Amino acid sequence: MNKFIISTLFAGILLLGACSEDKEEFDTEAPTISVEYPTPCAIEKFGDMIRLKANLSDNEGLGSYKLNIHHNFDHHTHGNHQEVCEMDEIKTATNPFLKDWSASLPNEKSMVLDTSFQLPADMQGGDYHALLYVTDINGNQSWTGISIKIIEN
């Protein structure tokens, strides 16, 4: 009887192993992002609306996005800024703007994200980064950064 139990367990393990080859691979492909606006080195004004327009796509489905705008008064980089913009001199941040906007995206494979956000008035003008993060339905994330200038109105 022991040989029968051992043979049955061994056969079951082999069958389970064979079935795992039929499983789909887990999605590891990150979304793609192509930003149309703001354009690199764009000049925006505090008190006005800032527009975000980007083409987003993913092989499985889009999940969410986050737009982060923060100062670049110290001329730091994020490693993916391709543009070379005319920058102000390095300065101390006394009243800089910092904001994150985020929202869910429809579970679609591609879409144009076109939305606007109000920039507050009376913030410190200068060089800023706009970072766009996109996450798909499986948690894969891509991001891109754009250098912009936001001036006092």
C-alpha atoms as a PDB file:
ATOM      1  CA  MET A   1       0.000   0.000   0.000  1.00  0.00           C
ATOM      2  CA  ASN A   2       2.859   2.402   0.721  1.00  0.00           C
ATOM      3  CA  LYS A   3       4.156   1.982  -2.843  1.00  0.00           C
ATOM      4  CA  PHE A   4       0.703   2.917  -4.183  1.00  0.00           C
ATOM      5  CA  ILE A   5       0.519   6.102  -2.080  1.00  0.00           C
ATOM      6  CA  ILE A   6       4.045   7.142  -2.995  1.00  0.00           C
ATOM      7  CA  SER A   7       3.381   6.458  -6.705  1.00  0.00           C
ATOM      8  CA  THR A   8       0.134   8.452  -6.586  1.00  0.00           C
ATOM      9  CA  LEU A   9       1.812  11.429  -4.862  1.00  0.00           C
ATOM     10  CA  PHE A  10       4.695  11.355  -7.328  1.00  0.00           C
ATOM     11  CA  ALA A  11       2.300  11.273 -10.301  1.00  0.00           C
ATOM     12  CA  GLY A  12       0.299  14.167  -8.816  1.00  0.00           C
ATOM     13  CA  ILE A  13       3.432  16.270  -8.407  1.00  0.00           C
ATOM     14  CA  LEU A  14       4.439  15.599 -12.013  1.00  0.00           C
ATOM     15  CA  LEU A  15       0.976  16.569 -13.254  1.00  0.00           C
ATOM     16  CA  LEU A  16       0.993  19.808 -11.252  1.00  0.00           C
ATOM     17  CA  GLY A  17       4.411  20.667 -12.651  1.00  0.00           C
ATOM     18  CA  ALA A  18       3.216  20.039 -16.188  1.00  0.00           C
ATOM     19  CA  CYS A  19       0.170  22.276 -15.662  1.00  0.00           C
ATOM     20  CA  SER A  20       2.289  25.216 -14.513  1.00  0.00           C
ATOM     21  CA  GLU A  21       3.846  25.442 -17.978  1.00  0.00           C
ATOM     22  CA  ASP A  22       0.395  26.242 -19.375  1.00  0.00           C
ATOM     23  CA  LYS A  23      -0.007  29.350 -17.165  1.00  0.00           C
ATOM     24  CA  GLU A  24       0.306  32.764 -18.774  1.00  0.00           C
ATOM     25  CA  GLU A  25       3.396  34.754 -17.897  1.00  0.00           C
ATOM     26  CA  PHE A  26       2.801  37.503 -15.341  1.00  0.00           C
ATOM     27  CA  ASP A  27       2.763  40.984 -16.886  1.00  0.00           C
ATOM     28  CA  THR A  28       6.033  42.811 -16.294  1.00  0.00           C
ATOM     29  CA  GLU A  29       5.710  45.322 -19.136  1.00  0.00           C
ATOM     30  CA  ALA A  30       5.479  48.919 -17.926  1.00  0.00           C
ATOM     31  CA  PRO A  31       3.132  51.476 -19.517  1.00  0.00           C
ATOM     32  CA  THR A  32       4.398  53.897 -22.157  1.00  0.00           C
ATOM     33  CA  ILE A  33       4.081  57.672 -21.852  1.00  0.00           C
ATOM     34  CA  SER A  34       4.375  60.345 -24.523  1.00  0.00           C
ATOM     35  CA  VAL A  35       3.780  63.854 -23.143  1.00  0.00           C
ATOM     36  CA  GLU A  36       2.461  66.474 -25.546  1.00  0.00           C
ATOM     37  CA  TYR A  37       1.982  69.236 -22.977  1.00  0.00           C
ATOM     38  CA  PRO A  38       3.595  70.823 -21.090  1.00  0.00           C
ATOM     39  CA  THR A  39       6.386  70.958 -23.620  1.00  0.00           C
ATOM     40  CA  PRO A  40       9.982  70.937 -22.379  1.00  0.00           C
ATOM     41  CA  CYS A  41      11.048  74.380 -21.189  1.00  0.00           C
ATOM     42  CA  ALA A  42       7.436  75.665 -21.232  1.00  0.00           C
ATOM     43  CA  ILE A  43       6.733  78.840 -19.272  1.00  0.00           C
ATOM     44  CA  GLU A  44       3.638  78.744 -17.052  1.00  0.00           C
ATOM     45  CA  LYS A  45       2.262  81.418 -14.717  1.00  0.00           C
ATOM     46  CA  PHE A  46       1.179  81.085 -11.116  1.00  0.00           C
ATOM     47  CA  GLY A  47      -2.531  81.796 -10.877  1.00  0.00           C
ATOM     48  CA  ASP A  48      -3.184  80.218 -14.302  1.00  0.00           C
ATOM     49  CA  MET A  49      -4.175  76.689 -15.269  1.00  0.00           C
ATOM     50  CA  ILE A  50      -1.492  74.194 -16.264  1.00  0.00           C
ATOM     51  CA  ARG A  51      -2.464  71.606 -18.858  1.00  0.00           C
ATOM     52  CA  LEU A  52      -1.331  67.992 -18.908  1.00  0.00           C
ATOM     53  CA  LYS A  53      -1.788  66.130 -22.179  1.00  0.00           C
ATOM     54  CA  ALA A  54      -0.158  62.748 -22.690  1.00  0.00           C
ATOM     55  CA  ASN A  55      -0.650  59.607 -24.759  1.00  0.00           C
ATOM     56  CA  LEU A  56      -0.661  56.586 -22.450  1.00  0.00           C
ATOM     57  CA  SER A  57      -0.673  52.904 -23.343  1.00  0.00           C
ATOM     58  CA  ASP A  58      -0.135  49.513 -21.753  1.00  0.00           C
ATOM     59  CA  ASN A  59      -0.249  45.946 -23.010  1.00  0.00           C
ATOM     60  CA  GLU A  60      -2.765  44.853 -20.318  1.00  0.00           C
ATOM     61  CA  GLY A  61      -4.561  47.986 -19.101  1.00  0.00           C
ATOM     62  CA  LEU A  62      -3.916  51.375 -17.523  1.00  0.00           C
ATOM     63  CA  GLY A  63      -4.481  51.825 -13.788  1.00  0.00           C
ATOM     64  CA  SER A  64      -3.636  55.296 -12.453  1.00  0.00           C
ATOM     65  CA  TYR A  65      -1.444  58.357 -12.837  1.00  0.00           C
ATOM     66  CA  LYS A  66       0.235  60.943 -10.636  1.00  0.00           C
ATOM     67  CA  LEU A  67       1.567  64.347 -11.659  1.00  0.00           C
ATOM     68  CA  ASN A  68       4.167  65.843  -9.348  1.00  0.00           C
ATOM     69  CA  ILE A  69       5.404  69.416  -9.709  1.00  0.00           C
ATOM     70  CA  HIS A  70       8.282  70.570  -7.521  1.00  0.00           C
ATOM     71  CA  HIS A  71      10.969  73.259  -7.618  1.00  0.00           C
ATOM     72  CA  ASN A  72      14.366  72.828  -9.197  1.00  0.00           C
ATOM     73  CA  PHE A  73      16.000  75.839  -7.609  1.00  0.00           C
ATOM     74  CA  ASP A  74      19.080  73.714  -6.814  1.00  0.00           C
ATOM     75  CA  HIS A  75      19.402  72.402 -10.427  1.00  0.00           C
ATOM     76  CA  HIS A  76      18.998  68.738  -9.447  1.00  0.00           C
ATOM     77  CA  THR A  77      18.172  66.103 -12.059  1.00  0.00           C
ATOM     78  CA  HIS A  78      16.127  62.937 -12.178  1.00  0.00           C
ATOM     79  CA  GLY A  79      18.218  61.278 -14.854  1.00  0.00           C
ATOM     80  CA  ASN A  80      15.704  61.353 -17.699  1.00  0.00           C
ATOM     81  CA  HIS A  81      15.440  65.029 -18.664  1.00  0.00           C
ATOM     82  CA  GLN A  82      16.584  65.200 -22.279  1.00  0.00           C
ATOM     83  CA  GLU A  83      15.986  68.906 -22.818  1.00  0.00           C
ATOM     84  CA  VAL A  84      18.388  71.707 -21.982  1.00  0.00           C
ATOM     85  CA  CYS A  85      16.456  74.743 -20.739  1.00  0.00           C
ATOM     86  CA  GLU A  86      17.703  78.170 -19.822  1.00  0.00           C
ATOM     87  CA  MET A  87      17.725  78.134 -16.039  1.00  0.00           C
ATOM     88  CA  ASP A  88      17.711  80.797 -13.360  1.00  0.00           C
ATOM     89  CA  GLU A  89      20.651  80.980 -10.982  1.00  0.00           C
ATOM     90  CA  ILE A  90      20.614  78.548  -8.058  1.00  0.00           C
ATOM     91  CA  LYS A  91      18.535  80.040  -5.255  1.00  0.00           C
ATOM     92  CA  THR A  92      17.104  79.226  -1.857  1.00  0.00           C
ATOM     93  CA  ALA A  93      13.528  78.026  -1.750  1.00  0.00           C
ATOM     94  CA  THR A  94      11.495  80.418   0.409  1.00  0.00           C
ATOM     95  CA  ASN A  95       7.943  79.846  -0.887  1.00  0.00           C
ATOM     96  CA  PRO A  96       8.184  77.109  -3.527  1.00  0.00           C
ATOM     97  CA  PHE A  97       5.294  75.278  -5.100  1.00  0.00           C
ATOM     98  CA  LEU A  98       4.936  71.535  -4.466  1.00  0.00           C
ATOM     99  CA  LYS A  99       1.909  69.543  -5.547  1.00  0.00           C
ATOM    100  CA  ASP A 100       0.823  66.009  -6.436  1.00  0.00           C
ATOM    101  CA  TRP A 101      -2.318  65.323  -8.440  1.00  0.00           C
ATOM    102  CA  SER A 102      -3.430  61.724  -8.939  1.00  0.00           C
ATOM    103  CA  ALA A 103      -6.400  59.814 -10.292  1.00  0.00           C
ATOM    104  CA  SER A 104      -7.487  56.405 -11.484  1.00  0.00           C
ATOM    105  CA  LEU A 105      -7.473  55.686 -15.195  1.00  0.00           C
ATOM    106  CA  PRO A 106     -10.005  53.606 -17.081  1.00  0.00           C
ATOM    107  CA  ASN A 107      -8.877  50.014 -17.599  1.00  0.00           C
ATOM    108  CA  GLU A 108      -8.048  50.623 -21.260  1.00  0.00           C
ATOM    109  CA  LYS A 109      -4.969  49.704 -23.250  1.00  0.00           C
ATOM    110  CA  SER A 110      -4.478  53.237 -24.593  1.00  0.00           C
ATOM    111  CA  MET A 111      -5.882  56.703 -24.057  1.00  0.00           C
ATOM    112  CA  VAL A 112      -5.137  60.398 -24.252  1.00  0.00           C
ATOM    113  CA  LEU A 113      -4.982  61.972 -20.807  1.00  0.00           C
ATOM    114  CA  ASP A 114      -5.956  65.627 -21.233  1.00  0.00           C
ATOM    115  CA  THR A 115      -6.631  67.564 -18.041  1.00  0.00           C
ATOM    116  CA  SER A 116      -5.820  70.909 -16.430  1.00  0.00           C
ATOM    117  CA  PHE A 117      -4.902  71.960 -12.911  1.00  0.00           C
ATOM    118  CA  GLN A 118      -4.993  75.335 -11.199  1.00  0.00           C
ATOM    119  CA  LEU A 119      -1.617  76.718 -10.172  1.00  0.00           C
ATOM    120  CA  PRO A 120      -1.936  78.787  -7.010  1.00  0.00           C
ATOM    121  CA  ALA A 121      -1.043  82.466  -7.016  1.00  0.00           C
ATOM    122  CA  ASP A 122       1.743  84.073  -4.982  1.00  0.00           C
ATOM    123  CA  MET A 123       4.262  81.218  -5.055  1.00  0.00           C
ATOM    124  CA  GLN A 124       7.987  81.525  -5.707  1.00  0.00           C
ATOM    125  CA  GLY A 125       8.734  81.581  -9.419  1.00  0.00           C
ATOM    126  CA  GLY A 126      11.597  79.764 -11.069  1.00  0.00           C
ATOM    127  CA  ASP A 127      12.642  76.423 -12.464  1.00  0.00           C
ATOM    128  CA  TYR A 128      10.401  73.437 -11.779  1.00  0.00           C
ATOM    129  CA  HIS A 129      10.083  69.780 -12.717  1.00  0.00           C
ATOM    130  CA  ALA A 130       6.830  68.156 -13.820  1.00  0.00           C
ATOM    131  CA  LEU A 131       7.000  64.394 -13.270  1.00  0.00           C
ATOM    132  CA  LEU A 132       4.317  62.100 -14.664  1.00  0.00           C
ATOM    133  CA  TYR A 133       4.008  58.584 -13.224  1.00  0.00           C
ATOM    134  CA  VAL A 134       1.699  56.006 -14.839  1.00  0.00           C
ATOM    135  CA  THR A 135       0.875  52.655 -13.250  1.00  0.00           C
ATOM    136  CA  ASP A 136      -0.835  49.783 -15.043  1.00  0.00           C
ATOM    137  CA  ILE A 137      -3.441  47.394 -13.598  1.00  0.00           C
ATOM    138  CA  ASN A 138      -0.678  44.955 -12.577  1.00  0.00           C
ATOM    139  CA  GLY A 139       1.396  47.526 -10.675  1.00  0.00           C
ATOM    140  CA  ASN A 140       4.079  48.181 -13.328  1.00  0.00           C
ATOM    141  CA  GLN A 141       5.077  51.834 -13.426  1.00  0.00           C
ATOM    142  CA  SER A 142       6.739  54.230 -15.882  1.00  0.00           C
ATOM    143  CA  TRP A 143       7.548  57.868 -15.405  1.00  0.00           C
ATOM    144  CA  THR A 144       8.925  60.799 -17.309  1.00  0.00           C
ATOM    145  CA  GLY A 145      10.103  64.235 -16.287  1.00  0.00           C
ATOM    146  CA  ILE A 146       9.904  67.612 -17.986  1.00  0.00           C
ATOM    147  CA  SER A 147      11.677  70.817 -17.004  1.00  0.00           C
ATOM    148  CA  ILE A 148       9.409  73.864 -16.961  1.00  0.00           C
ATOM    149  CA  LYS A 149       9.546  77.400 -15.635  1.00  0.00           C
ATOM    150  CA  ILE A 150       6.704  78.805 -13.541  1.00  0.00           C
ATOM    151  CA  ILE A 151       6.789  82.568 -13.213  1.00  0.00           C
ATOM    152  CA  GLU A 152       5.025  84.893 -10.836  1.00  0.00           C
ATOM    153  CA  ASN A 153       1.922  86.460 -12.313  1.00  0.00           C
END
